Amino acid sequence: MARLLALVLVLALAVAPAMGADKAKSDELNGSDFTKKVLGSSDIYAVLFYAPWCGHCKALMPDWKKFAEAVGPSIKVAQVDCDKEKELAGKYKVEGFPTIKFFGADKKTPIEYKGARTAEPLAQQAIKILADQVQARLGGKKPSSSGGSSGGGRRARRSLW
């Protein structure tokens, strides 16, 4: 059953762009946009908390765009400039850059992604969260709180304040 569900999700993600959907993009969010779009919706959001000066963040951007195009519109992708949105970064305990968090069914407890910072493993984690949410809606297990594999991602550490 789990394999069938995973196959259906992969096919849905692959077919959506072919059905006339525009290329998904990653939206830049500020505090009020974040509250309205991420917290105020039932959509799954992958959110990149970044700093424009961060070399690791700059290196991630091509893969972040590729990830957004691969999983959208099934999964929403956005980013927050932590230099401009320090309060939002503090609220979500962003301590280094880049920080990626998935906001699924439980918007109060986002899942911090700790895996490799490339499009494919990001997409795999997004699909897993989507599959868990679908399974929960069908009356199965609760959504997972797994944050992806440990390692592979490099982050710059710098205090925000």
N, C-alpha and C. Protein backbone atom coordinates (compact mmCIF):
# COMPACT_ATOMS: atom_id res chain seq x y z
N MET A 1 0.82 -1.19 0.00
CA MET A 1 0.00 0.00 0.00
C MET A 1 0.87 1.26 0.00
N ALA A 2 1.92 1.26 0.84
CA ALA A 2 2.80 2.43 0.91
C ALA A 2 3.50 2.67 -0.42
N ARG A 3 3.92 1.60 -1.08
CA ARG A 3 4.58 1.75 -2.38
C ARG A 3 3.62 2.32 -3.42
N LEU A 4 2.38 1.85 -3.39
CA LEU A 4 1.38 2.35 -4.32
C LEU A 4 1.13 3.84 -4.09
N LEU A 5 1.02 4.22 -2.82
CA LEU A 5 0.81 5.62 -2.49
C LEU A 5 1.99 6.47 -2.95
N ALA A 6 3.20 5.99 -2.73
CA ALA A 6 4.39 6.72 -3.17
C ALA A 6 4.40 6.86 -4.68
N LEU A 7 4.04 5.80 -5.40
CA LEU A 7 4.01 5.85 -6.86
C LEU A 7 2.98 6.87 -7.34
N VAL A 8 1.80 6.87 -6.72
CA VAL A 8 0.76 7.83 -7.10
C VAL A 8 1.25 9.26 -6.88
N LEU A 9 1.91 9.50 -5.74
CA LEU A 9 2.41 10.84 -5.46
C LEU A 9 3.48 11.27 -6.46
N VAL A 10 4.38 10.37 -6.78
CA VAL A 10 5.43 10.69 -7.75
C VAL A 10 4.82 11.00 -9.10
N LEU A 11 3.85 10.20 -9.52
CA LEU A 11 3.18 10.45 -10.80
C LEU A 11 2.43 11.78 -10.79
N ALA A 12 1.78 12.09 -9.67
CA ALA A 12 1.05 13.35 -9.58
C ALA A 12 2.00 14.54 -9.69
N LEU A 13 3.14 14.43 -9.02
CA LEU A 13 4.12 15.51 -9.10
C LEU A 13 4.71 15.63 -10.50
N ALA A 14 4.87 14.51 -11.18
CA ALA A 14 5.46 14.53 -12.52
C ALA A 14 4.47 15.03 -13.56
N VAL A 15 3.18 14.72 -13.39
CA VAL A 15 2.17 15.05 -14.39
C VAL A 15 1.66 16.48 -14.25
N ALA A 16 1.67 17.04 -13.04
CA ALA A 16 1.10 18.37 -12.82
C ALA A 16 1.64 19.42 -13.78
N PRO A 17 2.97 19.52 -14.00
CA PRO A 17 3.46 20.52 -14.94
C PRO A 17 2.98 20.27 -16.37
N ALA A 18 2.85 19.03 -16.74
CA ALA A 18 2.42 18.68 -18.10
C ALA A 18 0.96 19.03 -18.33
N MET A 19 0.19 19.20 -17.26
CA MET A 19 -1.23 19.49 -17.38
C MET A 19 -1.50 20.99 -17.49
N GLY A 20 -0.46 21.76 -17.79
CA GLY A 20 -0.65 23.18 -18.03
C GLY A 20 -0.34 24.06 -16.83
N ALA A 21 0.10 23.48 -15.74
CA ALA A 21 0.46 24.31 -14.60
C ALA A 21 1.70 25.12 -14.93
N ASP A 22 1.70 26.37 -14.50
CA ASP A 22 2.88 27.19 -14.69
C ASP A 22 4.04 26.61 -13.91
N LYS A 23 5.25 26.94 -14.36
CA LYS A 23 6.42 26.51 -13.60
C LYS A 23 6.32 27.09 -12.20
N ALA A 24 6.45 26.20 -11.23
CA ALA A 24 6.38 26.66 -9.84
C ALA A 24 7.59 27.51 -9.54
N LYS A 25 7.38 28.45 -8.63
CA LYS A 25 8.48 29.30 -8.23
C LYS A 25 8.54 29.32 -6.72
N SER A 26 9.60 29.90 -6.24
CA SER A 26 9.76 30.07 -4.81
C SER A 26 9.44 31.52 -4.47
N ASP A 27 8.46 31.71 -3.60
CA ASP A 27 8.02 33.06 -3.24
C ASP A 27 8.86 33.62 -2.10
N GLU A 28 9.19 34.89 -2.20
CA GLU A 28 9.87 35.61 -1.12
C GLU A 28 8.79 36.09 -0.16
N LEU A 29 8.92 35.72 1.13
CA LEU A 29 7.89 36.06 2.11
C LEU A 29 8.42 37.01 3.17
N ASN A 30 7.54 37.93 3.62
CA ASN A 30 7.82 38.75 4.79
C ASN A 30 6.94 38.23 5.92
N GLY A 31 6.97 38.88 7.06
CA GLY A 31 6.23 38.40 8.23
C GLY A 31 4.74 38.22 7.99
N SER A 32 4.08 39.23 7.40
CA SER A 32 2.63 39.12 7.20
C SER A 32 2.28 38.12 6.10
N ASP A 33 3.08 38.09 5.03
CA ASP A 33 2.86 37.07 3.99
C ASP A 33 3.01 35.68 4.57
N PHE A 34 4.02 35.50 5.42
CA PHE A 34 4.29 34.20 6.02
C PHE A 34 3.08 33.73 6.82
N THR A 35 2.53 34.61 7.64
CA THR A 35 1.38 34.25 8.46
C THR A 35 0.19 33.87 7.58
N LYS A 36 -0.07 34.68 6.57
CA LYS A 36 -1.23 34.44 5.70
C LYS A 36 -1.04 33.19 4.84
N LYS A 37 0.09 33.09 4.15
CA LYS A 37 0.29 32.02 3.18
C LYS A 37 0.68 30.69 3.81
N VAL A 38 1.65 30.71 4.71
CA VAL A 38 2.16 29.46 5.26
C VAL A 38 1.27 28.95 6.40
N LEU A 39 1.09 29.80 7.40
CA LEU A 39 0.34 29.37 8.58
C LEU A 39 -1.17 29.34 8.34
N GLY A 40 -1.64 30.17 7.41
CA GLY A 40 -3.07 30.26 7.17
C GLY A 40 -3.60 29.33 6.09
N SER A 41 -2.80 28.39 5.65
CA SER A 41 -3.27 27.47 4.61
C SER A 41 -3.07 26.03 5.03
N SER A 42 -3.72 25.14 4.34
CA SER A 42 -3.54 23.71 4.61
C SER A 42 -2.45 23.13 3.72
N ASP A 43 -1.85 23.96 2.86
CA ASP A 43 -0.79 23.49 1.97
C ASP A 43 0.48 23.15 2.75
N ILE A 44 1.25 22.25 2.20
CA ILE A 44 2.58 21.96 2.73
C ILE A 44 3.52 23.01 2.14
N TYR A 45 4.30 23.62 3.00
CA TYR A 45 5.28 24.62 2.57
C TYR A 45 6.69 24.16 2.94
N ALA A 46 7.61 24.31 2.01
CA ALA A 46 9.03 24.19 2.28
C ALA A 46 9.55 25.62 2.31
N VAL A 47 10.16 26.01 3.44
CA VAL A 47 10.60 27.40 3.60
C VAL A 47 12.10 27.42 3.86
N LEU A 48 12.78 28.19 3.04
CA LEU A 48 14.22 28.42 3.19
C LEU A 48 14.42 29.72 3.95
N PHE A 49 15.07 29.64 5.10
CA PHE A 49 15.47 30.82 5.85
C PHE A 49 16.92 31.06 5.47
N TYR A 50 17.20 32.21 4.87
CA TYR A 50 18.53 32.46 4.32
C TYR A 50 19.01 33.88 4.63
N ALA A 51 20.29 34.09 4.36
CA ALA A 51 20.87 35.43 4.44
C ALA A 51 21.52 35.70 3.09
N PRO A 52 21.29 36.87 2.50
CA PRO A 52 21.81 37.16 1.16
C PRO A 52 23.33 37.14 1.07
N TRP A 53 24.03 37.36 2.17
CA TRP A 53 25.50 37.37 2.18
C TRP A 53 26.10 35.97 2.34
N CYS A 54 25.28 34.98 2.67
CA CYS A 54 25.75 33.63 3.00
C CYS A 54 26.15 32.85 1.74
N GLY A 55 27.39 32.41 1.70
CA GLY A 55 27.88 31.64 0.55
C GLY A 55 27.15 30.33 0.34
N HIS A 56 26.82 29.63 1.45
CA HIS A 56 26.09 28.37 1.34
C HIS A 56 24.68 28.61 0.78
N CYS A 57 24.07 29.72 1.17
CA CYS A 57 22.74 30.08 0.67
C CYS A 57 22.80 30.37 -0.83
N LYS A 58 23.81 31.13 -1.25
CA LYS A 58 23.97 31.44 -2.67
C LYS A 58 24.17 30.16 -3.48
N ALA A 59 24.95 29.23 -2.94
CA ALA A 59 25.21 27.97 -3.64
C ALA A 59 23.96 27.11 -3.72
N LEU A 60 23.07 27.22 -2.74
CA LEU A 60 21.84 26.42 -2.71
C LEU A 60 20.80 26.91 -3.72
N MET A 61 20.79 28.19 -4.05
CA MET A 61 19.70 28.79 -4.84
C MET A 61 19.37 28.07 -6.16
N PRO A 62 20.34 27.63 -6.97
CA PRO A 62 19.95 26.91 -8.19
C PRO A 62 19.19 25.61 -7.88
N ASP A 63 19.62 24.88 -6.86
CA ASP A 63 18.91 23.66 -6.48
C ASP A 63 17.56 23.96 -5.84
N TRP A 64 17.47 25.07 -5.11
CA TRP A 64 16.20 25.47 -4.50
C TRP A 64 15.17 25.76 -5.59
N LYS A 65 15.61 26.44 -6.65
CA LYS A 65 14.72 26.73 -7.79
C LYS A 65 14.30 25.44 -8.49
N LYS A 66 15.26 24.56 -8.71
CA LYS A 66 14.98 23.26 -9.34
C LYS A 66 14.00 22.45 -8.49
N PHE A 67 14.20 22.46 -7.18
CA PHE A 67 13.30 21.78 -6.24
C PHE A 67 11.90 22.36 -6.35
N ALA A 68 11.78 23.70 -6.36
CA ALA A 68 10.47 24.35 -6.46
C ALA A 68 9.75 23.95 -7.74
N GLU A 69 10.48 23.91 -8.85
CA GLU A 69 9.87 23.53 -10.12
C GLU A 69 9.45 22.06 -10.13
N ALA A 70 10.19 21.22 -9.41
CA ALA A 70 9.89 19.79 -9.39
C ALA A 70 8.67 19.45 -8.54
N VAL A 71 8.50 20.11 -7.40
CA VAL A 71 7.43 19.72 -6.48
C VAL A 71 6.19 20.59 -6.58
N GLY A 72 6.32 21.77 -7.19
CA GLY A 72 5.16 22.65 -7.31
C GLY A 72 4.23 22.21 -8.41
N PRO A 73 3.00 22.46 -8.35
CA PRO A 73 2.28 23.20 -7.31
C PRO A 73 1.80 22.33 -6.15
N SER A 74 2.15 21.05 -6.14
CA SER A 74 1.68 20.16 -5.06
C SER A 74 2.21 20.58 -3.70
N ILE A 75 3.43 21.09 -3.68
CA ILE A 75 4.05 21.58 -2.45
C ILE A 75 4.51 23.00 -2.73
N LYS A 76 4.17 23.90 -1.84
CA LYS A 76 4.55 25.30 -2.00
C LYS A 76 5.97 25.50 -1.49
N VAL A 77 6.71 26.35 -2.17
CA VAL A 77 8.11 26.61 -1.83
C VAL A 77 8.29 28.11 -1.67
N ALA A 78 8.94 28.50 -0.57
CA ALA A 78 9.13 29.93 -0.29
C ALA A 78 10.45 30.13 0.43
N GLN A 79 10.85 31.40 0.52
CA GLN A 79 12.04 31.72 1.28
C GLN A 79 11.84 33.02 2.04
N VAL A 80 12.64 33.14 3.12
CA VAL A 80 12.59 34.30 3.99
C VAL A 80 14.00 34.85 4.14
N ASP A 81 14.17 36.13 3.82
CA ASP A 81 15.45 36.82 4.00
C ASP A 81 15.55 37.19 5.48
N CYS A 82 16.41 36.49 6.20
CA CYS A 82 16.52 36.67 7.65
C CYS A 82 17.18 37.98 8.05
N ASP A 83 17.89 38.63 7.14
CA ASP A 83 18.42 39.96 7.43
C ASP A 83 17.27 40.96 7.54
N LYS A 84 16.23 40.78 6.74
CA LYS A 84 15.07 41.67 6.77
C LYS A 84 14.02 41.22 7.77
N GLU A 85 13.95 39.92 8.03
CA GLU A 85 12.89 39.35 8.87
C GLU A 85 13.47 38.68 10.11
N LYS A 86 14.20 39.44 10.89
CA LYS A 86 14.88 38.91 12.08
C LYS A 86 13.89 38.34 13.10
N GLU A 87 12.76 38.99 13.28
CA GLU A 87 11.76 38.52 14.24
C GLU A 87 11.23 37.14 13.83
N LEU A 88 10.93 36.98 12.56
CA LEU A 88 10.43 35.70 12.05
C LEU A 88 11.49 34.62 12.19
N ALA A 89 12.74 34.95 11.89
CA ALA A 89 13.84 34.00 12.03
C ALA A 89 14.00 33.58 13.49
N GLY A 90 13.87 34.53 14.40
CA GLY A 90 13.97 34.23 15.82
C GLY A 90 12.85 33.33 16.30
N LYS A 91 11.65 33.61 15.81
CA LYS A 91 10.48 32.81 16.20
C LYS A 91 10.67 31.34 15.84
N TYR A 92 11.31 31.08 14.71
CA TYR A 92 11.51 29.70 14.26
C TYR A 92 12.91 29.18 14.57
N LYS A 93 13.59 29.85 15.48
CA LYS A 93 14.88 29.40 16.01
C LYS A 93 15.92 29.14 14.92
N VAL A 94 15.99 30.05 13.98
CA VAL A 94 17.00 29.96 12.92
C VAL A 94 18.33 30.41 13.52
N GLU A 95 19.28 29.49 13.56
CA GLU A 95 20.58 29.77 14.18
C GLU A 95 21.73 29.77 13.18
N GLY A 96 21.48 29.31 11.98
CA GLY A 96 22.50 29.27 10.95
C GLY A 96 21.84 29.26 9.58
N PHE A 97 22.65 29.44 8.58
CA PHE A 97 22.12 29.54 7.21
C PHE A 97 22.80 28.54 6.29
N PRO A 98 22.09 27.99 5.36
CA PRO A 98 20.64 28.05 5.21
C PRO A 98 19.94 27.12 6.20
N THR A 99 18.73 27.49 6.60
CA THR A 99 17.87 26.62 7.41
C THR A 99 16.62 26.37 6.59
N ILE A 100 16.25 25.11 6.48
CA ILE A 100 15.07 24.72 5.70
C ILE A 100 14.09 24.04 6.65
N LYS A 101 12.84 24.50 6.62
CA LYS A 101 11.81 23.91 7.46
C LYS A 101 10.59 23.60 6.60
N PHE A 102 10.00 22.44 6.87
CA PHE A 102 8.77 22.04 6.21
C PHE A 102 7.61 22.29 7.17
N PHE A 103 6.61 23.00 6.68
CA PHE A 103 5.40 23.28 7.43
C PHE A 103 4.29 22.42 6.84
N GLY A 104 3.99 21.32 7.52
CA GLY A 104 2.98 20.38 7.04
C GLY A 104 1.67 20.57 7.77
N ALA A 105 1.08 19.46 8.19
CA ALA A 105 -0.23 19.49 8.85
C ALA A 105 -0.18 20.25 10.17
N ASP A 106 0.89 20.08 10.94
CA ASP A 106 1.04 20.77 12.22
C ASP A 106 1.90 22.02 12.01
N LYS A 107 1.26 23.13 11.73
CA LYS A 107 1.98 24.37 11.42
C LYS A 107 2.75 24.91 12.64
N LYS A 108 2.35 24.51 13.84
CA LYS A 108 3.03 24.99 15.05
C LYS A 108 4.38 24.30 15.27
N THR A 109 4.55 23.14 14.65
CA THR A 109 5.79 22.38 14.83
C THR A 109 6.37 22.02 13.47
N PRO A 110 7.05 22.96 12.83
CA PRO A 110 7.64 22.65 11.52
C PRO A 110 8.75 21.62 11.65
N ILE A 111 9.00 20.93 10.58
CA ILE A 111 10.04 19.90 10.52
C ILE A 111 11.30 20.54 9.95
N GLU A 112 12.38 20.53 10.72
CA GLU A 112 13.63 21.07 10.22
C GLU A 112 14.32 20.02 9.37
N TYR A 113 14.65 20.41 8.16
CA TYR A 113 15.33 19.52 7.21
C TYR A 113 16.83 19.58 7.46
N LYS A 114 17.44 18.41 7.62
CA LYS A 114 18.87 18.36 7.91
C LYS A 114 19.63 17.55 6.86
N GLY A 115 19.00 17.24 5.76
CA GLY A 115 19.64 16.44 4.73
C GLY A 115 20.48 17.27 3.77
N ALA A 116 20.87 16.64 2.69
CA ALA A 116 21.70 17.28 1.66
C ALA A 116 20.95 18.45 1.03
N ARG A 117 21.68 19.48 0.69
CA ARG A 117 21.09 20.70 0.14
C ARG A 117 21.10 20.67 -1.38
N THR A 118 20.47 19.63 -1.93
CA THR A 118 20.32 19.53 -3.37
C THR A 118 18.86 19.17 -3.67
N ALA A 119 18.44 19.39 -4.91
CA ALA A 119 17.03 19.27 -5.28
C ALA A 119 16.43 17.89 -5.01
N GLU A 120 17.14 16.84 -5.38
CA GLU A 120 16.55 15.50 -5.26
C GLU A 120 16.24 15.09 -3.82
N PRO A 121 17.20 15.20 -2.87
CA PRO A 121 16.84 14.82 -1.50
C PRO A 121 15.80 15.76 -0.88
N LEU A 122 15.80 17.02 -1.25
CA LEU A 122 14.75 17.93 -0.79
C LEU A 122 13.38 17.45 -1.29
N ALA A 123 13.32 17.07 -2.56
CA ALA A 123 12.07 16.57 -3.13
C ALA A 123 11.64 15.27 -2.47
N GLN A 124 12.58 14.39 -2.18
CA GLN A 124 12.25 13.13 -1.50
C GLN A 124 11.63 13.40 -0.13
N GLN A 125 12.20 14.35 0.61
CA GLN A 125 11.64 14.69 1.92
C GLN A 125 10.25 15.30 1.76
N ALA A 126 10.07 16.17 0.79
CA ALA A 126 8.77 16.79 0.56
C ALA A 126 7.71 15.74 0.22
N ILE A 127 8.08 14.78 -0.62
CA ILE A 127 7.15 13.70 -1.00
C ILE A 127 6.80 12.86 0.21
N LYS A 128 7.77 12.60 1.07
CA LYS A 128 7.52 11.81 2.28
C LYS A 128 6.52 12.54 3.18
N ILE A 129 6.70 13.84 3.35
CA ILE A 129 5.78 14.61 4.19
C ILE A 129 4.39 14.63 3.57
N LEU A 130 4.32 14.79 2.26
CA LEU A 130 3.03 14.76 1.57
C LEU A 130 2.36 13.40 1.72
N ALA A 131 3.12 12.33 1.56
CA ALA A 131 2.57 10.98 1.70
C ALA A 131 2.06 10.75 3.12
N ASP A 132 2.81 11.19 4.12
CA ASP A 132 2.38 11.05 5.51
C ASP A 132 1.09 11.83 5.76
N GLN A 133 0.99 13.02 5.19
CA GLN A 133 -0.21 13.83 5.38
C GLN A 133 -1.41 13.18 4.71
N VAL A 134 -1.23 12.65 3.52
CA VAL A 134 -2.32 11.95 2.83
C VAL A 134 -2.75 10.73 3.64
N GLN A 135 -1.79 9.97 4.13
CA GLN A 135 -2.09 8.78 4.92
C GLN A 135 -2.86 9.16 6.18
N ALA A 136 -2.46 10.25 6.84
CA ALA A 136 -3.16 10.70 8.04
C ALA A 136 -4.60 11.09 7.72
N ARG A 137 -4.80 11.74 6.59
CA ARG A 137 -6.15 12.14 6.20
C ARG A 137 -7.03 10.92 5.88
N LEU A 138 -6.39 9.84 5.46
CA LEU A 138 -7.12 8.61 5.18
C LEU A 138 -7.38 7.80 6.44
N GLY A 139 -6.92 8.30 7.58
CA GLY A 139 -7.16 7.62 8.83
C GLY A 139 -6.03 6.70 9.25
N GLY A 140 -4.89 6.84 8.61
CA GLY A 140 -3.74 6.01 8.95
C GLY A 140 -2.91 6.65 10.04
N LYS A 141 -1.62 6.44 9.95
CA LYS A 141 -0.70 6.94 10.97
C LYS A 141 -0.65 8.46 10.99
N LYS A 142 -0.13 9.00 12.10
CA LYS A 142 0.05 10.45 12.22
C LYS A 142 1.16 10.90 11.29
N PRO A 143 1.13 12.16 10.86
CA PRO A 143 2.22 12.68 10.03
C PRO A 143 3.56 12.55 10.73
N SER A 144 4.58 12.24 9.95
CA SER A 144 5.94 12.06 10.47
C SER A 144 6.54 13.38 10.88
N SER A 145 7.46 13.32 11.84
CA SER A 145 8.21 14.52 12.21
C SER A 145 9.68 14.36 11.88
N SER A 146 9.97 13.46 10.96
CA SER A 146 11.36 13.24 10.56
C SER A 146 11.89 14.44 9.81
N GLY A 147 13.13 14.81 10.12
CA GLY A 147 13.72 15.98 9.49
C GLY A 147 14.68 15.64 8.39
N GLY A 148 14.59 14.45 7.84
CA GLY A 148 15.51 14.07 6.77
C GLY A 148 16.76 13.46 7.34
N SER A 149 17.66 13.11 6.47
CA SER A 149 18.90 12.47 6.90
C SER A 149 19.77 13.47 7.62
N SER A 150 20.64 12.95 8.47
CA SER A 150 21.55 13.86 9.17
C SER A 150 22.85 13.92 8.42
N GLY A 151 23.27 15.08 8.07
CA GLY A 151 24.54 15.21 7.38
C GLY A 151 24.35 15.63 5.94
N GLY A 152 25.43 15.96 5.33
CA GLY A 152 25.39 16.34 3.93
C GLY A 152 25.17 17.82 3.72
N GLY A 153 24.53 18.48 4.67
CA GLY A 153 24.25 19.90 4.49
C GLY A 153 25.24 20.74 5.28
N ARG A 154 25.80 21.73 4.64
CA ARG A 154 26.72 22.64 5.32
C ARG A 154 25.98 23.93 5.61
N ARG A 155 26.23 24.48 6.79
CA ARG A 155 25.55 25.69 7.19
C ARG A 155 26.54 26.66 7.79
N ALA A 156 26.35 27.90 7.46
CA ALA A 156 27.16 28.96 8.07
C ALA A 156 26.49 29.36 9.37
N ARG A 157 27.26 29.49 10.42
CA ARG A 157 26.72 29.89 11.72
C ARG A 157 27.04 31.37 11.96
N ARG A 158 26.02 32.12 12.28
CA ARG A 158 26.24 33.52 12.61
C ARG A 158 25.03 34.00 13.40
N SER A 159 25.25 34.72 14.41
CA SER A 159 24.17 35.27 15.22
C SER A 159 23.37 36.25 14.36
N LEU A 160 22.07 36.26 14.54
CA LEU A 160 21.23 37.17 13.78
C LEU A 160 21.18 38.56 14.39
N TRP A 161 21.61 38.68 15.63
CA TRP A 161 21.48 39.97 16.31
C TRP A 161 22.78 40.44 16.78
